[in-house]
């Protein structure tokens, strides 16, 4: 299955590569082979990049799941206006080879949605979480609040977010993607018990980032 958020880009890439492939037939062999090879590689990479594998929801109301595939780059304490004092920031870095479909981390209602234009620093630069283009999203329910940001990177210059304010969402649901690698920062409330560590690999919708105490399924 392929991500619906990338079908337009995927179609354009396939048409461009197909045109290049057939145009190469008119060129000398010394040029023809590299052009055909490059076109084929671009098609294969595009199909791989926009893959959208199925995921099995955790099914536990106390679990906050990873919103993105990737690797945990940073975990640190922070204060935040949405989640309050002594919150925890977890940053997930997505390479161009990760699945880039983003998923909702917790059941609740979207109460904050704000786009910020900005720079395109390397995603592993921690200044990127503030300086780069990003989409901020806040979700809350009767027990808790979670805030997260889709952050553009040096290559990833296209954020897709199909959420609206006051929308009810469930953990594990797909809501968008960041095209061609970047990071996703999630900020958890003080009562959240962190369930992973820096360097841990994550799978969107399946990996438990944290658990909320005193909440049953």
C-alpha atoms as a PDB file:
ATOM      1  CA  UNK A   1       0.000   0.000   0.000  1.00  0.00           C
ATOM      2  CA  UNK A   2       1.157   3.537  -0.731  1.00  0.00           C
ATOM      3  CA  UNK A   3       0.511   6.685   1.323  1.00  0.00           C
ATOM      4  CA  UNK A   4      -2.376   8.674  -0.147  1.00  0.00           C
ATOM      5  CA  UNK A   5      -0.590  11.870   0.933  1.00  0.00           C
ATOM      6  CA  UNK A   6       2.155  11.141  -1.573  1.00  0.00           C
ATOM      7  CA  UNK A   7       0.162   9.921  -4.574  1.00  0.00           C
ATOM      8  CA  UNK A   8       0.469  13.227  -6.448  1.00  0.00           C
ATOM      9  CA  UNK A   9       4.246  13.361  -5.952  1.00  0.00           C
ATOM     10  CA  UNK A  10       4.553   9.673  -6.782  1.00  0.00           C
ATOM     11  CA  UNK A  11       2.546  10.053 -10.006  1.00  0.00           C
ATOM     12  CA  UNK A  12       4.614  13.049 -11.152  1.00  0.00           C
ATOM     13  CA  UNK A  13       7.857  11.200 -10.420  1.00  0.00           C
ATOM     14  CA  UNK A  14       6.743   8.104 -12.305  1.00  0.00           C
ATOM     15  CA  UNK A  15       5.665  10.129 -15.354  1.00  0.00           C
ATOM     16  CA  UNK A  16       8.927  12.107 -15.350  1.00  0.00           C
ATOM     17  CA  UNK A  17      11.047   8.975 -15.078  1.00  0.00           C
ATOM     18  CA  UNK A  18       9.010   7.229 -17.753  1.00  0.00           C
ATOM     19  CA  UNK A  19       9.527  10.172 -20.116  1.00  0.00           C
ATOM     20  CA  UNK A  20      13.270  10.217 -19.351  1.00  0.00           C
ATOM     21  CA  UNK A  21      13.482   6.467 -19.928  1.00  0.00           C
ATOM     22  CA  UNK A  22      11.942   6.629 -23.411  1.00  0.00           C
ATOM     23  CA  UNK A  23      13.833   9.786 -24.371  1.00  0.00           C
ATOM     24  CA  UNK A  24      17.030   7.938 -23.484  1.00  0.00           C
ATOM     25  CA  UNK A  25      16.299   5.488 -26.307  1.00  0.00           C
ATOM     26  CA  UNK A  26      17.150   8.289 -28.737  1.00  0.00           C
ATOM     27  CA  UNK A  27      20.520   8.970 -27.121  1.00  0.00           C
ATOM     28  CA  UNK A  28      23.913   7.296 -27.642  1.00  0.00           C
ATOM     29  CA  UNK A  29      24.434   4.120 -25.621  1.00  0.00           C
ATOM     30  CA  UNK A  30      27.059   5.775 -23.415  1.00  0.00           C
ATOM     31  CA  UNK A  31      24.364   8.228 -22.221  1.00  0.00           C
ATOM     32  CA  UNK A  32      21.372   5.935 -22.610  1.00  0.00           C
ATOM     33  CA  UNK A  33      22.379   3.408 -19.951  1.00  0.00           C
ATOM     34  CA  UNK A  34      23.075   5.926 -17.124  1.00  0.00           C
ATOM     35  CA  UNK A  35      19.812   7.819 -17.819  1.00  0.00           C
ATOM     36  CA  UNK A  36      17.744   4.622 -17.849  1.00  0.00           C
ATOM     37  CA  UNK A  37      19.449   3.352 -14.708  1.00  0.00           C
ATOM     38  CA  UNK A  38      18.899   6.628 -12.871  1.00  0.00           C
ATOM     39  CA  UNK A  39      15.238   6.714 -13.940  1.00  0.00           C
ATOM     40  CA  UNK A  40      14.696   3.179 -12.684  1.00  0.00           C
ATOM     41  CA  UNK A  41      16.401   3.929  -9.361  1.00  0.00           C
ATOM     42  CA  UNK A  42      14.252   7.040  -8.875  1.00  0.00           C
ATOM     43  CA  UNK A  43      11.091   5.022  -9.494  1.00  0.00           C
ATOM     44  CA  UNK A  44      12.147   2.303  -7.050  1.00  0.00           C
ATOM     45  CA  UNK A  45      13.096   4.836  -4.363  1.00  0.00           C
ATOM     46  CA  UNK A  46       9.796   6.723  -4.779  1.00  0.00           C
ATOM     47  CA  UNK A  47       7.779   3.518  -4.448  1.00  0.00           C
ATOM     48  CA  UNK A  48       9.814   2.579  -1.373  1.00  0.00           C
ATOM     49  CA  UNK A  49       9.590   6.030   0.208  1.00  0.00           C
ATOM     50  CA  UNK A  50       5.819   6.381  -0.111  1.00  0.00           C
ATOM     51  CA  UNK A  51       5.052   2.916   1.251  1.00  0.00           C
ATOM     52  CA  UNK A  52       2.361   2.753   3.906  1.00  0.00           C
ATOM     53  CA  UNK A  53       2.509  -0.584   5.760  1.00  0.00           C
ATOM     54  CA  UNK A  54      -0.354  -1.587   8.019  1.00  0.00           C
ATOM     55  CA  UNK A  55       0.158  -1.211  11.759  1.00  0.00           C
ATOM     56  CA  UNK A  56      -1.497  -2.926  14.734  1.00  0.00           C
ATOM     57  CA  UNK A  57      -2.860  -0.421  17.303  1.00  0.00           C
ATOM     58  CA  UNK A  58      -1.684  -0.853  20.887  1.00  0.00           C
ATOM     59  CA  UNK A  59      -5.271  -0.798  22.167  1.00  0.00           C
ATOM     60  CA  UNK A  60      -4.355   0.540  25.612  1.00  0.00           C
ATOM     61  CA  UNK A  61      -5.823   3.872  26.729  1.00  0.00           C
ATOM     62  CA  UNK A  62      -2.867   4.500  29.051  1.00  0.00           C
ATOM     63  CA  UNK A  63      -0.322   4.241  26.226  1.00  0.00           C
ATOM     64  CA  UNK A  64       1.021   7.190  24.238  1.00  0.00           C
ATOM     65  CA  UNK A  65       2.334   5.777  20.966  1.00  0.00           C
ATOM     66  CA  UNK A  66       5.034   7.050  18.620  1.00  0.00           C
ATOM     67  CA  UNK A  67       3.681   9.438  15.976  1.00  0.00           C
ATOM     68  CA  UNK A  68       6.496   8.577  13.560  1.00  0.00           C
ATOM     69  CA  UNK A  69       8.897   5.863  12.464  1.00  0.00           C
ATOM     70  CA  UNK A  70      12.514   6.678  13.196  1.00  0.00           C
ATOM     71  CA  UNK A  71      15.056   6.882  15.988  1.00  0.00           C
ATOM     72  CA  UNK A  72      14.779   8.704  19.319  1.00  0.00           C
ATOM     73  CA  UNK A  73      17.240  11.563  19.035  1.00  0.00           C
ATOM     74  CA  UNK A  74      16.620  13.382  22.310  1.00  0.00           C
ATOM     75  CA  UNK A  75      14.727  13.048  25.602  1.00  0.00           C
ATOM     76  CA  UNK A  76      14.754  15.963  28.019  1.00  0.00           C
ATOM     77  CA  UNK A  77      12.650  17.823  30.566  1.00  0.00           C
ATOM     78  CA  UNK A  78      11.008  21.073  29.510  1.00  0.00           C
ATOM     79  CA  UNK A  79       8.221  23.489  30.404  1.00  0.00           C
ATOM     80  CA  UNK A  80       5.542  24.019  27.773  1.00  0.00           C
ATOM     81  CA  UNK A  81       2.443  26.243  27.657  1.00  0.00           C
ATOM     82  CA  UNK A  82       0.227  23.392  26.420  1.00  0.00           C
ATOM     83  CA  UNK A  83       1.363  20.489  28.608  1.00  0.00           C
ATOM     84  CA  UNK A  84       2.595  22.475  31.620  1.00  0.00           C
ATOM     85  CA  UNK A  85       5.710  22.463  33.777  1.00  0.00           C
ATOM     86  CA  UNK A  86       8.092  19.516  34.055  1.00  0.00           C
ATOM     87  CA  UNK A  87       6.941  18.053  30.750  1.00  0.00           C
ATOM     88  CA  UNK A  88       9.126  15.683  28.720  1.00  0.00           C
ATOM     89  CA  UNK A  89      10.280  16.314  25.156  1.00  0.00           C
ATOM     90  CA  UNK A  90      10.920  13.274  22.958  1.00  0.00           C
ATOM     91  CA  UNK A  91      12.411  13.964  19.515  1.00  0.00           C
ATOM     92  CA  UNK A  92      12.191  11.327  16.780  1.00  0.00           C
ATOM     93  CA  UNK A  93      14.479  11.633  13.753  1.00  0.00           C
ATOM     94  CA  UNK A  94      13.198  10.255  10.446  1.00  0.00           C
ATOM     95  CA  UNK A  95      15.743   9.396   7.775  1.00  0.00           C
ATOM     96  CA  UNK A  96      14.732   9.273   4.092  1.00  0.00           C
ATOM     97  CA  UNK A  97      14.562   5.476   4.464  1.00  0.00           C
ATOM     98  CA  UNK A  98      11.920   5.416   7.217  1.00  0.00           C
ATOM     99  CA  UNK A  99       8.170   5.155   6.640  1.00  0.00           C
ATOM    100  CA  UNK A 100       7.036   8.788   6.657  1.00  0.00           C
ATOM    101  CA  UNK A 101       3.323   8.430   7.386  1.00  0.00           C
ATOM    102  CA  UNK A 102       2.556  10.104  10.742  1.00  0.00           C
ATOM    103  CA  UNK A 103       0.034   8.744  13.255  1.00  0.00           C
ATOM    104  CA  UNK A 104      -1.940  10.128  16.202  1.00  0.00           C
ATOM    105  CA  UNK A 105      -0.214   9.378  19.550  1.00  0.00           C
ATOM    106  CA  UNK A 106      -3.249   9.441  21.879  1.00  0.00           C
ATOM    107  CA  UNK A 107      -7.049   9.327  21.908  1.00  0.00           C
ATOM    108  CA  UNK A 108      -8.645  12.743  22.244  1.00  0.00           C
ATOM    109  CA  UNK A 109      -9.670  15.941  20.509  1.00  0.00           C
ATOM    110  CA  UNK A 110      -7.517  18.343  18.496  1.00  0.00           C
ATOM    111  CA  UNK A 111      -7.525  21.627  20.435  1.00  0.00           C
ATOM    112  CA  UNK A 112      -4.445  23.293  18.964  1.00  0.00           C
ATOM    113  CA  UNK A 113      -3.360  23.457  15.341  1.00  0.00           C
ATOM    114  CA  UNK A 114      -0.855  26.054  14.132  1.00  0.00           C
ATOM    115  CA  UNK A 115       1.465  26.280  11.144  1.00  0.00           C
ATOM    116  CA  UNK A 116       4.809  28.096  11.528  1.00  0.00           C
ATOM    117  CA  UNK A 117       6.884  29.069   8.462  1.00  0.00           C
ATOM    118  CA  UNK A 118      10.623  28.896   9.027  1.00  0.00           C
ATOM    119  CA  UNK A 119      14.053  27.670   8.006  1.00  0.00           C
ATOM    120  CA  UNK A 120      15.150  24.259   6.733  1.00  0.00           C
ATOM    121  CA  UNK A 121      18.023  23.335   9.049  1.00  0.00           C
ATOM    122  CA  UNK A 122      19.266  19.758   9.281  1.00  0.00           C
ATOM    123  CA  UNK A 123      16.727  17.743  11.290  1.00  0.00           C
ATOM    124  CA  UNK A 124      19.345  16.486  13.772  1.00  0.00           C
ATOM    125  CA  UNK A 125      20.159  20.113  14.683  1.00  0.00           C
ATOM    126  CA  UNK A 126      18.121  20.718  17.846  1.00  0.00           C
ATOM    127  CA  UNK A 127      17.589  24.358  16.828  1.00  0.00           C
ATOM    128  CA  UNK A 128      15.399  23.012  14.028  1.00  0.00           C
ATOM    129  CA  UNK A 129      12.540  22.325  16.448  1.00  0.00           C
ATOM    130  CA  UNK A 130      12.153  26.094  16.916  1.00  0.00           C
ATOM    131  CA  UNK A 131      13.651  27.656  13.783  1.00  0.00           C
ATOM    132  CA  UNK A 132      12.368  25.315  11.068  1.00  0.00           C
ATOM    133  CA  UNK A 133       9.036  25.250   9.301  1.00  0.00           C
ATOM    134  CA  UNK A 134       6.657  23.154  11.390  1.00  0.00           C
ATOM    135  CA  UNK A 135       3.071  22.223  12.168  1.00  0.00           C
ATOM    136  CA  UNK A 136       2.175  22.255  15.873  1.00  0.00           C
ATOM    137  CA  UNK A 137      -0.628  19.975  17.061  1.00  0.00           C
ATOM    138  CA  UNK A 138      -2.205  19.698  20.502  1.00  0.00           C
ATOM    139  CA  UNK A 139      -4.537  16.882  21.553  1.00  0.00           C
ATOM    140  CA  UNK A 140      -6.325  16.565  24.860  1.00  0.00           C
ATOM    141  CA  UNK A 141      -8.774  14.240  26.572  1.00  0.00           C
ATOM    142  CA  UNK A 142     -10.307  14.106  30.039  1.00  0.00           C
ATOM    143  CA  UNK A 143      -7.094  12.735  31.575  1.00  0.00           C
ATOM    144  CA  UNK A 144      -4.225  14.382  29.741  1.00  0.00           C
ATOM    145  CA  UNK A 145      -2.748  16.599  27.019  1.00  0.00           C
ATOM    146  CA  UNK A 146      -0.112  15.818  24.392  1.00  0.00           C
ATOM    147  CA  UNK A 147       1.617  18.288  22.069  1.00  0.00           C
ATOM    148  CA  UNK A 148       3.641  17.378  18.991  1.00  0.00           C
ATOM    149  CA  UNK A 149       5.236  19.058  15.984  1.00  0.00           C
ATOM    150  CA  UNK A 150       5.895  17.938  12.429  1.00  0.00           C
ATOM    151  CA  UNK A 151       9.226  19.629  11.661  1.00  0.00           C
ATOM    152  CA  UNK A 152      10.638  20.169   8.164  1.00  0.00           C
ATOM    153  CA  UNK A 153      14.307  19.434   7.523  1.00  0.00           C
ATOM    154  CA  UNK A 154      17.004  20.183   4.986  1.00  0.00           C
ATOM    155  CA  UNK A 155      15.482  17.774   2.449  1.00  0.00           C
ATOM    156  CA  UNK A 156      11.954  17.552   3.853  1.00  0.00           C
ATOM    157  CA  UNK A 157      10.225  20.704   2.687  1.00  0.00           C
ATOM    158  CA  UNK A 158       6.675  19.489   2.484  1.00  0.00           C
ATOM    159  CA  UNK A 159       4.545  18.956   5.580  1.00  0.00           C
ATOM    160  CA  UNK A 160       1.164  17.271   5.098  1.00  0.00           C
ATOM    161  CA  UNK A 161      -1.360  17.492   7.955  1.00  0.00           C
ATOM    162  CA  UNK A 162      -5.000  16.494   7.432  1.00  0.00           C
ATOM    163  CA  UNK A 163      -6.323  17.539  10.840  1.00  0.00           C
ATOM    164  CA  UNK A 164      -8.825  20.223  11.832  1.00  0.00           C
ATOM    165  CA  UNK A 165      -9.538  21.940  15.134  1.00  0.00           C
ATOM    166  CA  UNK A 166     -12.087  20.132  17.347  1.00  0.00           C
ATOM    167  CA  UNK A 167     -11.572  16.895  15.410  1.00  0.00           C
ATOM    168  CA  UNK A 168     -11.892  13.707  17.465  1.00  0.00           C
ATOM    169  CA  UNK A 169      -8.982  11.334  16.879  1.00  0.00           C
ATOM    170  CA  UNK A 170      -7.780   7.940  18.035  1.00  0.00           C
ATOM    171  CA  UNK A 171      -4.274   6.696  18.752  1.00  0.00           C
ATOM    172  CA  UNK A 172      -2.700   5.073  15.712  1.00  0.00           C
ATOM    173  CA  UNK A 173      -4.816   6.885  13.118  1.00  0.00           C
ATOM    174  CA  UNK A 174      -2.950   8.304  10.119  1.00  0.00           C
ATOM    175  CA  UNK A 175      -3.086  12.085   9.840  1.00  0.00           C
ATOM    176  CA  UNK A 176      -0.279  13.171   7.488  1.00  0.00           C
ATOM    177  CA  UNK A 177       3.382  12.869   6.620  1.00  0.00           C
ATOM    178  CA  UNK A 178       6.622  14.805   6.184  1.00  0.00           C
ATOM    179  CA  UNK A 179       8.119  14.187   2.764  1.00  0.00           C
ATOM    180  CA  UNK A 180      11.778  13.124   2.450  1.00  0.00           C
ATOM    181  CA  UNK A 181      13.041  12.918   6.026  1.00  0.00           C
ATOM    182  CA  UNK A 182      12.901  15.158   9.084  1.00  0.00           C
ATOM    183  CA  UNK A 183      11.864  14.947  12.738  1.00  0.00           C
ATOM    184  CA  UNK A 184       8.798  14.854  14.922  1.00  0.00           C
ATOM    185  CA  UNK A 185       8.895  16.305  18.431  1.00  0.00           C
ATOM    186  CA  UNK A 186       6.355  15.148  21.009  1.00  0.00           C
ATOM    187  CA  UNK A 187       5.898  16.824  24.397  1.00  0.00           C
ATOM    188  CA  UNK A 188       4.355  14.764  27.178  1.00  0.00           C
ATOM    189  CA  UNK A 189       2.785  15.943  30.457  1.00  0.00           C
ATOM    190  CA  UNK A 190       4.611  15.584  33.770  1.00  0.00           C
ATOM    191  CA  UNK A 191       2.642  12.500  34.847  1.00  0.00           C
ATOM    192  CA  UNK A 192       3.683  10.528  31.763  1.00  0.00           C
ATOM    193  CA  UNK A 193       6.040   7.635  32.483  1.00  0.00           C
ATOM    194  CA  UNK A 194       8.590   7.463  29.652  1.00  0.00           C
ATOM    195  CA  UNK A 195       8.846   3.953  28.189  1.00  0.00           C
ATOM    196  CA  UNK A 196      11.883   4.278  25.914  1.00  0.00           C
ATOM    197  CA  UNK A 197      15.355   5.819  25.785  1.00  0.00           C
ATOM    198  CA  UNK A 198      17.556   7.762  23.385  1.00  0.00           C
ATOM    199  CA  UNK A 199      18.660   5.646  20.439  1.00  0.00           C
ATOM    200  CA  UNK A 200      15.505   3.521  20.470  1.00  0.00           C
ATOM    201  CA  UNK A 201      13.911   2.849  17.073  1.00  0.00           C
ATOM    202  CA  UNK A 202      10.200   3.581  16.797  1.00  0.00           C
ATOM    203  CA  UNK A 203       7.265   2.430  14.681  1.00  0.00           C
ATOM    204  CA  UNK A 204       4.399   4.889  14.304  1.00  0.00           C
ATOM    205  CA  UNK A 205       1.225   3.716  16.023  1.00  0.00           C
ATOM    206  CA  UNK A 206       2.891   0.706  17.659  1.00  0.00           C
ATOM    207  CA  UNK A 207       5.896   1.744  19.769  1.00  0.00           C
ATOM    208  CA  UNK A 208       4.853   2.947  23.227  1.00  0.00           C
ATOM    209  CA  UNK A 209       6.594   6.245  24.003  1.00  0.00           C
ATOM    210  CA  UNK A 210       5.061   6.703  27.460  1.00  0.00           C
ATOM    211  CA  UNK A 211       2.287   5.508  29.741  1.00  0.00           C
ATOM    212  CA  UNK A 212      -0.182   7.530  31.758  1.00  0.00           C
ATOM    213  CA  UNK A 213      -0.759   6.189  35.293  1.00  0.00           C
ATOM    214  CA  UNK A 214      -4.234   5.495  36.691  1.00  0.00           C
ATOM    215  CA  UNK A 215      -5.819   5.072  33.258  1.00  0.00           C
ATOM    216  CA  UNK A 216      -7.360   1.739  32.333  1.00  0.00           C
ATOM    217  CA  UNK A 217      -8.253   0.329  28.938  1.00  0.00           C
END
